[in-house]
């Protein structure tokens, strides 16, 4: 029920547009739907709000990799590891 989940995340963001984790979670839903450009935008917004989030860095890297942008993806993976060296 990706569409329903995306709708609820969008509603949550209307209530609190500064919630980095909600932007990240919505990015995950969009990425699962294949809406990579929209997912990237959500991950980037999450990182604008909280640049120290290794999960958002990793998720952005995965979306960029799926967009055939390996160099940009590698930067995000390195940053995720810098922020959390034991990031699985």
PDB file of N, CA and C in Angstrom:
ATOM      1  N   UNK A   1       0.834  -1.187   0.000  1.00  0.00           N
ATOM      2  CA  UNK A   1       0.000   0.000   0.000  1.00  0.00           C
ATOM      3  C   UNK A   1       0.879   1.252   0.000  1.00  0.00           C
ATOM      4  N   UNK A   2       1.770   1.319  -0.995  1.00  0.00           N
ATOM      5  CA  UNK A   2       2.709   2.431  -1.077  1.00  0.00           C
ATOM      6  C   UNK A   2       2.005   3.776  -1.220  1.00  0.00           C
ATOM      7  N   UNK A   3       0.965   3.810  -2.049  1.00  0.00           N
ATOM      8  CA  UNK A   3       0.267   5.093  -2.256  1.00  0.00           C
ATOM      9  C   UNK A   3      -0.359   5.597  -0.960  1.00  0.00           C
ATOM     10  N   UNK A   4      -0.938   4.675  -0.209  1.00  0.00           N
ATOM     11  CA  UNK A   4      -1.555   5.063   1.064  1.00  0.00           C
ATOM     12  C   UNK A   4      -0.495   5.544   2.056  1.00  0.00           C
ATOM     13  N   UNK A   5       0.612   4.834   2.106  1.00  0.00           N
ATOM     14  CA  UNK A   5       1.694   5.239   3.009  1.00  0.00           C
ATOM     15  C   UNK A   5       2.240   6.608   2.613  1.00  0.00           C
ATOM     16  N   UNK A   6       2.455   6.819   1.323  1.00  0.00           N
ATOM     17  CA  UNK A   6       2.962   8.110   0.851  1.00  0.00           C
ATOM     18  C   UNK A   6       1.994   9.229   1.220  1.00  0.00           C
ATOM     19  N   UNK A   7       0.708   8.954   1.101  1.00  0.00           N
ATOM     20  CA  UNK A   7      -0.304   9.952   1.455  1.00  0.00           C
ATOM     21  C   UNK A   7      -0.196  10.325   2.936  1.00  0.00           C
ATOM     22  N   UNK A   8      -0.038   9.334   3.789  1.00  0.00           N
ATOM     23  CA  UNK A   8       0.044   9.613   5.230  1.00  0.00           C
ATOM     24  C   UNK A   8       1.333  10.357   5.582  1.00  0.00           C
ATOM     25  N   UNK A   9       2.440  10.018   4.927  1.00  0.00           N
ATOM     26  CA  UNK A   9       3.677  10.768   5.165  1.00  0.00           C
ATOM     27  C   UNK A   9       3.524  12.216   4.709  1.00  0.00           C
ATOM     28  N   UNK A  10       2.844  12.410   3.573  1.00  0.00           N
ATOM     29  CA  UNK A  10       2.615  13.780   3.091  1.00  0.00           C
ATOM     30  C   UNK A  10       1.767  14.565   4.089  1.00  0.00           C
ATOM     31  N   UNK A  11       0.768  13.910   4.661  1.00  0.00           N
ATOM     32  CA  UNK A  11      -0.056  14.575   5.687  1.00  0.00           C
ATOM     33  C   UNK A  11       0.779  14.922   6.910  1.00  0.00           C
ATOM     34  N   UNK A  12       1.648  14.007   7.300  1.00  0.00           N
ATOM     35  CA  UNK A  12       2.521  14.273   8.452  1.00  0.00           C
ATOM     36  C   UNK A  12       3.423  15.464   8.183  1.00  0.00           C
ATOM     37  N   UNK A  13       3.898  15.581   6.946  1.00  0.00           N
ATOM     38  CA  UNK A  13       4.766  16.708   6.603  1.00  0.00           C
ATOM     39  C   UNK A  13       4.008  18.026   6.555  1.00  0.00           C
ATOM     40  N   UNK A  14       2.713  17.968   6.290  1.00  0.00           N
ATOM     41  CA  UNK A  14       1.921  19.191   6.371  1.00  0.00           C
ATOM     42  C   UNK A  14       1.877  19.691   7.809  1.00  0.00           C
ATOM     43  N   UNK A  15       1.828  18.756   8.753  1.00  0.00           N
ATOM     44  CA  UNK A  15       1.802  19.123  10.167  1.00  0.00           C
ATOM     45  C   UNK A  15       3.165  19.558  10.675  1.00  0.00           C
ATOM     46  N   UNK A  16       4.216  18.898  10.169  1.00  0.00           N
ATOM     47  CA  UNK A  16       5.574  19.209  10.621  1.00  0.00           C
ATOM     48  C   UNK A  16       6.541  19.096   9.443  1.00  0.00           C
ATOM     49  N   UNK A  17       6.637  20.147   8.632  1.00  0.00           N
ATOM     50  CA  UNK A  17       7.497  20.086   7.443  1.00  0.00           C
ATOM     51  C   UNK A  17       8.989  20.030   7.754  1.00  0.00           C
ATOM     52  N   UNK A  18       9.368  20.191   9.004  1.00  0.00           N
ATOM     53  CA  UNK A  18      10.777  20.180   9.379  1.00  0.00           C
ATOM     54  C   UNK A  18      11.225  18.840   9.967  1.00  0.00           C
ATOM     55  N   UNK A  19      10.406  17.820   9.815  1.00  0.00           N
ATOM     56  CA  UNK A  19      10.728  16.496  10.347  1.00  0.00           C
ATOM     57  C   UNK A  19      11.583  15.738   9.329  1.00  0.00           C
ATOM     58  N   UNK A  20      12.871  15.707   9.575  1.00  0.00           N
ATOM     59  CA  UNK A  20      13.812  15.077   8.643  1.00  0.00           C
ATOM     60  C   UNK A  20      13.514  13.604   8.457  1.00  0.00           C
ATOM     61  N   UNK A  21      13.160  12.899   9.529  1.00  0.00           N
ATOM     62  CA  UNK A  21      12.924  11.469   9.418  1.00  0.00           C
ATOM     63  C   UNK A  21      11.714  11.160   8.543  1.00  0.00           C
ATOM     64  N   UNK A  22      10.692  12.003   8.615  1.00  0.00           N
ATOM     65  CA  UNK A  22       9.516  11.797   7.766  1.00  0.00           C
ATOM     66  C   UNK A  22       9.868  12.014   6.300  1.00  0.00           C
ATOM     67  N   UNK A  23      10.701  13.003   6.004  1.00  0.00           N
ATOM     68  CA  UNK A  23      11.152  13.198   4.622  1.00  0.00           C
ATOM     69  C   UNK A  23      11.919  11.960   4.157  1.00  0.00           C
ATOM     70  N   UNK A  24      12.785  11.442   5.015  1.00  0.00           N
ATOM     71  CA  UNK A  24      13.552  10.245   4.670  1.00  0.00           C
ATOM     72  C   UNK A  24      12.621   9.056   4.423  1.00  0.00           C
ATOM     73  N   UNK A  25      11.650   8.868   5.302  1.00  0.00           N
ATOM     74  CA  UNK A  25      10.719   7.748   5.154  1.00  0.00           C
ATOM     75  C   UNK A  25       9.886   7.868   3.879  1.00  0.00           C
ATOM     76  N   UNK A  26       9.450   9.084   3.574  1.00  0.00           N
ATOM     77  CA  UNK A  26       8.705   9.287   2.335  1.00  0.00           C
ATOM     78  C   UNK A  26       9.605   9.001   1.142  1.00  0.00           C
ATOM     79  N   UNK A  27      10.871   9.387   1.243  1.00  0.00           N
ATOM     80  CA  UNK A  27      11.824   9.055   0.180  1.00  0.00           C
ATOM     81  C   UNK A  27      11.910   7.563  -0.046  1.00  0.00           C
ATOM     82  N   UNK A  28      11.887   6.785   1.030  1.00  0.00           N
ATOM     83  CA  UNK A  28      11.938   5.323   0.896  1.00  0.00           C
ATOM     84  C   UNK A  28      10.732   4.790   0.136  1.00  0.00           C
ATOM     85  N   UNK A  29       9.558   5.312   0.447  1.00  0.00           N
ATOM     86  CA  UNK A  29       8.337   4.888  -0.241  1.00  0.00           C
ATOM     87  C   UNK A  29       8.435   5.237  -1.727  1.00  0.00           C
ATOM     88  N   UNK A  30       8.869   6.462  -2.013  1.00  0.00           N
ATOM     89  CA  UNK A  30       8.983   6.902  -3.407  1.00  0.00           C
ATOM     90  C   UNK A  30      10.013   6.057  -4.169  1.00  0.00           C
ATOM     91  N   UNK A  31      11.116   5.746  -3.517  1.00  0.00           N
ATOM     92  CA  UNK A  31      12.137   4.912  -4.161  1.00  0.00           C
ATOM     93  C   UNK A  31      11.578   3.527  -4.448  1.00  0.00           C
ATOM     94  N   UNK A  32      10.833   2.975  -3.514  1.00  0.00           N
ATOM     95  CA  UNK A  32      10.218   1.658  -3.731  1.00  0.00           C
ATOM     96  C   UNK A  32       9.234   1.684  -4.890  1.00  0.00           C
ATOM     97  N   UNK A  33       8.646   2.831  -5.134  1.00  0.00           N
ATOM     98  CA  UNK A  33       7.712   2.990  -6.255  1.00  0.00           C
ATOM     99  C   UNK A  33       8.437   3.287  -7.564  1.00  0.00           C
ATOM    100  N   UNK A  34       9.748   3.434  -7.515  1.00  0.00           N
ATOM    101  CA  UNK A  34      10.512   3.755  -8.718  1.00  0.00           C
ATOM    102  C   UNK A  34      10.517   5.232  -9.048  1.00  0.00           C
ATOM    103  N   UNK A  35      10.038   6.069  -8.151  1.00  0.00           N
ATOM    104  CA  UNK A  35      10.005   7.520  -8.353  1.00  0.00           C
ATOM    105  C   UNK A  35      11.293   8.103  -7.792  1.00  0.00           C
ATOM    106  N   UNK A  36      12.381   7.824  -8.490  1.00  0.00           N
ATOM    107  CA  UNK A  36      13.704   8.123  -7.954  1.00  0.00           C
ATOM    108  C   UNK A  36      13.988   9.612  -7.832  1.00  0.00           C
ATOM    109  N   UNK A  37      13.575  10.405  -8.791  1.00  0.00           N
ATOM    110  CA  UNK A  37      13.830  11.848  -8.708  1.00  0.00           C
ATOM    111  C   UNK A  37      13.128  12.443  -7.484  1.00  0.00           C
ATOM    112  N   UNK A  38      11.899  12.000  -7.241  1.00  0.00           N
ATOM    113  CA  UNK A  38      11.161  12.495  -6.075  1.00  0.00           C
ATOM    114  C   UNK A  38      11.811  11.992  -4.789  1.00  0.00           C
ATOM    115  N   UNK A  39      12.271  10.749  -4.804  1.00  0.00           N
ATOM    116  CA  UNK A  39      12.940  10.185  -3.627  1.00  0.00           C
ATOM    117  C   UNK A  39      14.211  10.966  -3.313  1.00  0.00           C
ATOM    118  N   UNK A  40      14.993  11.250  -4.341  1.00  0.00           N
ATOM    119  CA  UNK A  40      16.233  12.012  -4.152  1.00  0.00           C
ATOM    120  C   UNK A  40      15.917  13.367  -3.523  1.00  0.00           C
ATOM    121  N   UNK A  41      14.879  14.017  -4.000  1.00  0.00           N
ATOM    122  CA  UNK A  41      14.496  15.318  -3.443  1.00  0.00           C
ATOM    123  C   UNK A  41      14.142  15.204  -1.961  1.00  0.00           C
ATOM    124  N   UNK A  42      13.455  14.145  -1.581  1.00  0.00           N
ATOM    125  CA  UNK A  42      13.092  13.951  -0.174  1.00  0.00           C
ATOM    126  C   UNK A  42      14.314  13.672   0.683  1.00  0.00           C
ATOM    127  N   UNK A  43      15.224  12.824   0.178  1.00  0.00           N
ATOM    128  CA  UNK A  43      16.450  12.545   0.931  1.00  0.00           C
ATOM    129  C   UNK A  43      17.288  13.813   1.088  1.00  0.00           C
ATOM    130  N   UNK A  44      17.375  14.589   0.024  1.00  0.00           N
ATOM    131  CA  UNK A  44      18.139  15.835   0.096  1.00  0.00           C
ATOM    132  C   UNK A  44      17.516  16.795   1.107  1.00  0.00           C
ATOM    133  N   UNK A  45      16.191  16.853   1.148  1.00  0.00           N
ATOM    134  CA  UNK A  45      15.517  17.712   2.133  1.00  0.00           C
ATOM    135  C   UNK A  45      15.782  17.196   3.542  1.00  0.00           C
ATOM    136  N   UNK A  46      15.727  15.891   3.714  1.00  0.00           N
ATOM    137  CA  UNK A  46      16.028  15.313   5.026  1.00  0.00           C
ATOM    138  C   UNK A  46      17.428  15.705   5.468  1.00  0.00           C
ATOM    139  N   UNK A  47      18.369  15.699   4.535  1.00  0.00           N
ATOM    140  CA  UNK A  47      19.749  16.036   4.870  1.00  0.00           C
ATOM    141  C   UNK A  47      19.936  17.535   5.078  1.00  0.00           C
ATOM    142  N   UNK A  48      19.126  18.359   4.438  1.00  0.00           N
ATOM    143  CA  UNK A  48      19.166  19.793   4.730  1.00  0.00           C
ATOM    144  C   UNK A  48      18.740  20.042   6.173  1.00  0.00           C
ATOM    145  N   UNK A  49      17.800  19.253   6.627  1.00  0.00           N
ATOM    146  CA  UNK A  49      17.278  19.411   7.986  1.00  0.00           C
ATOM    147  C   UNK A  49      18.162  18.742   9.034  1.00  0.00           C
ATOM    148  N   UNK A  50      18.846  17.656   8.634  1.00  0.00           N
ATOM    149  CA  UNK A  50      19.718  16.931   9.554  1.00  0.00           C
ATOM    150  C   UNK A  50      20.829  16.259   8.753  1.00  0.00           C
ATOM    151  N   UNK A  51      21.900  16.976   8.531  1.00  0.00           N
ATOM    152  CA  UNK A  51      23.010  16.476   7.711  1.00  0.00           C
ATOM    153  C   UNK A  51      23.758  15.325   8.361  1.00  0.00           C
ATOM    154  N   UNK A  52      23.500  15.076   9.632  1.00  0.00           N
ATOM    155  CA  UNK A  52      24.223  14.031  10.352  1.00  0.00           C
ATOM    156  C   UNK A  52      23.448  12.717  10.419  1.00  0.00           C
ATOM    157  N   UNK A  53      22.537  12.510   9.484  1.00  0.00           N
ATOM    158  CA  UNK A  53      21.722  11.296   9.456  1.00  0.00           C
ATOM    159  C   UNK A  53      22.335  10.277   8.498  1.00  0.00           C
ATOM    160  N   UNK A  54      23.025   9.251   9.012  1.00  0.00           N
ATOM    161  CA  UNK A  54      23.666   8.285   8.121  1.00  0.00           C
ATOM    162  C   UNK A  54      22.668   7.500   7.284  1.00  0.00           C
ATOM    163  N   UNK A  55      21.482   7.265   7.818  1.00  0.00           N
ATOM    164  CA  UNK A  55      20.464   6.522   7.070  1.00  0.00           C
ATOM    165  C   UNK A  55      20.044   7.298   5.827  1.00  0.00           C
ATOM    166  N   UNK A  56      19.811   8.586   5.975  1.00  0.00           N
ATOM    167  CA  UNK A  56      19.416   9.408   4.823  1.00  0.00           C
ATOM    168  C   UNK A  56      20.560   9.490   3.818  1.00  0.00           C
ATOM    169  N   UNK A  57      21.797   9.577   4.315  1.00  0.00           N
ATOM    170  CA  UNK A  57      22.948   9.585   3.403  1.00  0.00           C
ATOM    171  C   UNK A  57      22.982   8.297   2.586  1.00  0.00           C
ATOM    172  N   UNK A  58      22.826   7.161   3.265  1.00  0.00           N
ATOM    173  CA  UNK A  58      22.831   5.868   2.582  1.00  0.00           C
ATOM    174  C   UNK A  58      21.675   5.757   1.593  1.00  0.00           C
ATOM    175  N   UNK A  59      20.479   6.141   2.031  1.00  0.00           N
ATOM    176  CA  UNK A  59      19.307   6.049   1.145  1.00  0.00           C
ATOM    177  C   UNK A  59      19.483   6.917  -0.093  1.00  0.00           C
ATOM    178  N   UNK A  60      20.037   8.104   0.096  1.00  0.00           N
ATOM    179  CA  UNK A  60      20.307   8.964  -1.052  1.00  0.00           C
ATOM    180  C   UNK A  60      21.316   8.292  -1.978  1.00  0.00           C
ATOM    181  N   UNK A  61      22.345   7.690  -1.396  1.00  0.00           N
ATOM    182  CA  UNK A  61      23.320   6.974  -2.206  1.00  0.00           C
ATOM    183  C   UNK A  61      22.687   5.864  -3.025  1.00  0.00           C
ATOM    184  N   UNK A  62      21.799   5.104  -2.410  1.00  0.00           N
ATOM    185  CA  UNK A  62      21.132   4.014  -3.134  1.00  0.00           C
ATOM    186  C   UNK A  62      20.274   4.551  -4.286  1.00  0.00           C
ATOM    187  N   UNK A  63      19.562   5.642  -4.042  1.00  0.00           N
ATOM    188  CA  UNK A  63      18.733   6.222  -5.100  1.00  0.00           C
ATOM    189  C   UNK A  63      19.604   6.748  -6.239  1.00  0.00           C
ATOM    190  N   UNK A  64      20.716   7.379  -5.890  1.00  0.00           N
ATOM    191  CA  UNK A  64      21.626   7.884  -6.929  1.00  0.00           C
ATOM    192  C   UNK A  64      22.237   6.730  -7.724  1.00  0.00           C
ATOM    193  N   UNK A  65      22.550   5.646  -7.050  1.00  0.00           N
ATOM    194  CA  UNK A  65      23.083   4.469  -7.736  1.00  0.00           C
ATOM    195  C   UNK A  65      22.060   3.930  -8.724  1.00  0.00           C
ATOM    196  N   UNK A  66      20.810   3.895  -8.318  1.00  0.00           N
ATOM    197  CA  UNK A  66      19.742   3.430  -9.216  1.00  0.00           C
ATOM    198  C   UNK A  66      19.526   4.388 -10.390  1.00  0.00           C
ATOM    199  N   UNK A  67      19.972   5.638 -10.240  1.00  0.00           N
ATOM    200  CA  UNK A  67      19.891   6.615 -11.331  1.00  0.00           C
ATOM    201  C   UNK A  67      21.165   6.590 -12.178  1.00  0.00           C
ATOM    202  N   UNK A  68      21.999   5.599 -11.970  1.00  0.00           N
ATOM    203  CA  UNK A  68      23.264   5.464 -12.709  1.00  0.00           C
ATOM    204  C   UNK A  68      24.208   6.632 -12.444  1.00  0.00           C
ATOM    205  N   UNK A  69      24.314   7.014 -11.177  1.00  0.00           N
ATOM    206  CA  UNK A  69      25.215   8.078 -10.752  1.00  0.00           C
ATOM    207  C   UNK A  69      26.152   7.519  -9.672  1.00  0.00           C
ATOM    208  N   UNK A  70      27.034   6.591 -10.063  1.00  0.00           N
ATOM    209  CA  UNK A  70      27.851   5.899  -9.060  1.00  0.00           C
ATOM    210  C   UNK A  70      28.812   6.802  -8.295  1.00  0.00           C
ATOM    211  N   UNK A  71      29.374   7.801  -8.931  1.00  0.00           N
ATOM    212  CA  UNK A  71      30.318   8.684  -8.236  1.00  0.00           C
ATOM    213  C   UNK A  71      29.603   9.468  -7.136  1.00  0.00           C
ATOM    214  N   UNK A  72      28.425   9.994  -7.452  1.00  0.00           N
ATOM    215  CA  UNK A  72      27.655  10.733  -6.453  1.00  0.00           C
ATOM    216  C   UNK A  72      27.190   9.800  -5.334  1.00  0.00           C
ATOM    217  N   UNK A  73      26.801   8.591  -5.711  1.00  0.00           N
ATOM    218  CA  UNK A  73      26.368   7.609  -4.722  1.00  0.00           C
ATOM    219  C   UNK A  73      27.511   7.276  -3.768  1.00  0.00           C
ATOM    220  N   UNK A  74      28.705   7.086  -4.307  1.00  0.00           N
ATOM    221  CA  UNK A  74      29.861   6.734  -3.481  1.00  0.00           C
ATOM    222  C   UNK A  74      30.148   7.820  -2.444  1.00  0.00           C
ATOM    223  N   UNK A  75      29.968   9.080  -2.832  1.00  0.00           N
ATOM    224  CA  UNK A  75      30.170  10.183  -1.882  1.00  0.00           C
ATOM    225  C   UNK A  75      29.218  10.041  -0.698  1.00  0.00           C
ATOM    226  N   UNK A  76      27.982   9.685  -0.982  1.00  0.00           N
ATOM    227  CA  UNK A  76      26.973   9.548   0.078  1.00  0.00           C
ATOM    228  C   UNK A  76      27.272   8.345   0.970  1.00  0.00           C
ATOM    229  N   UNK A  77      27.729   7.246   0.358  1.00  0.00           N
ATOM    230  CA  UNK A  77      28.075   6.070   1.157  1.00  0.00           C
ATOM    231  C   UNK A  77      29.257   6.376   2.074  1.00  0.00           C
ATOM    232  N   UNK A  78      30.250   7.094   1.547  1.00  0.00           N
ATOM    233  CA  UNK A  78      31.395   7.484   2.380  1.00  0.00           C
ATOM    234  C   UNK A  78      30.951   8.370   3.542  1.00  0.00           C
ATOM    235  N   UNK A  79      30.042   9.287   3.255  1.00  0.00           N
ATOM    236  CA  UNK A  79      29.564  10.180   4.315  1.00  0.00           C
ATOM    237  C   UNK A  79      28.780   9.395   5.367  1.00  0.00           C
ATOM    238  N   UNK A  80      27.972   8.439   4.931  1.00  0.00           N
ATOM    239  CA  UNK A  80      27.237   7.608   5.891  1.00  0.00           C
ATOM    240  C   UNK A  80      28.212   6.870   6.806  1.00  0.00           C
ATOM    241  N   UNK A  81      29.298   6.356   6.236  1.00  0.00           N
ATOM    242  CA  UNK A  81      30.302   5.646   7.031  1.00  0.00           C
ATOM    243  C   UNK A  81      31.106   6.590   7.919  1.00  0.00           C
ATOM    244  N   UNK A  82      31.345   7.796   7.448  1.00  0.00           N
ATOM    245  CA  UNK A  82      32.040   8.775   8.281  1.00  0.00           C
ATOM    246  C   UNK A  82      31.202   9.100   9.517  1.00  0.00           C
ATOM    247  N   UNK A  83      29.895   9.256   9.292  1.00  0.00           N
ATOM    248  CA  UNK A  83      28.990   9.596  10.385  1.00  0.00           C
ATOM    249  C   UNK A  83      28.783   8.431  11.355  1.00  0.00           C
ATOM    250  N   UNK A  84      28.792   7.223  10.798  1.00  0.00           N
ATOM    251  CA  UNK A  84      28.559   6.041  11.618  1.00  0.00           C
ATOM    252  C   UNK A  84      29.446   4.916  11.081  1.00  0.00           C
ATOM    253  N   UNK A  85      30.682   4.827  11.549  1.00  0.00           N
ATOM    254  CA  UNK A  85      31.644   3.874  11.007  1.00  0.00           C
ATOM    255  C   UNK A  85      31.190   2.420  11.015  1.00  0.00           C
ATOM    256  N   UNK A  86      30.292   2.055  11.918  1.00  0.00           N
ATOM    257  CA  UNK A  86      29.821   0.679  11.957  1.00  0.00           C
ATOM    258  C   UNK A  86      28.507   0.479  11.199  1.00  0.00           C
ATOM    259  N   UNK A  87      28.163   1.450  10.360  1.00  0.00           N
ATOM    260  CA  UNK A  87      26.901   1.363   9.599  1.00  0.00           C
ATOM    261  C   UNK A  87      26.922   0.113   8.722  1.00  0.00           C
ATOM    262  N   UNK A  88      25.993  -0.755   8.954  1.00  0.00           N
ATOM    263  CA  UNK A  88      25.958  -2.038   8.225  1.00  0.00           C
ATOM    264  C   UNK A  88      25.565  -1.819   6.786  1.00  0.00           C
TER     265      UNK A  88
END
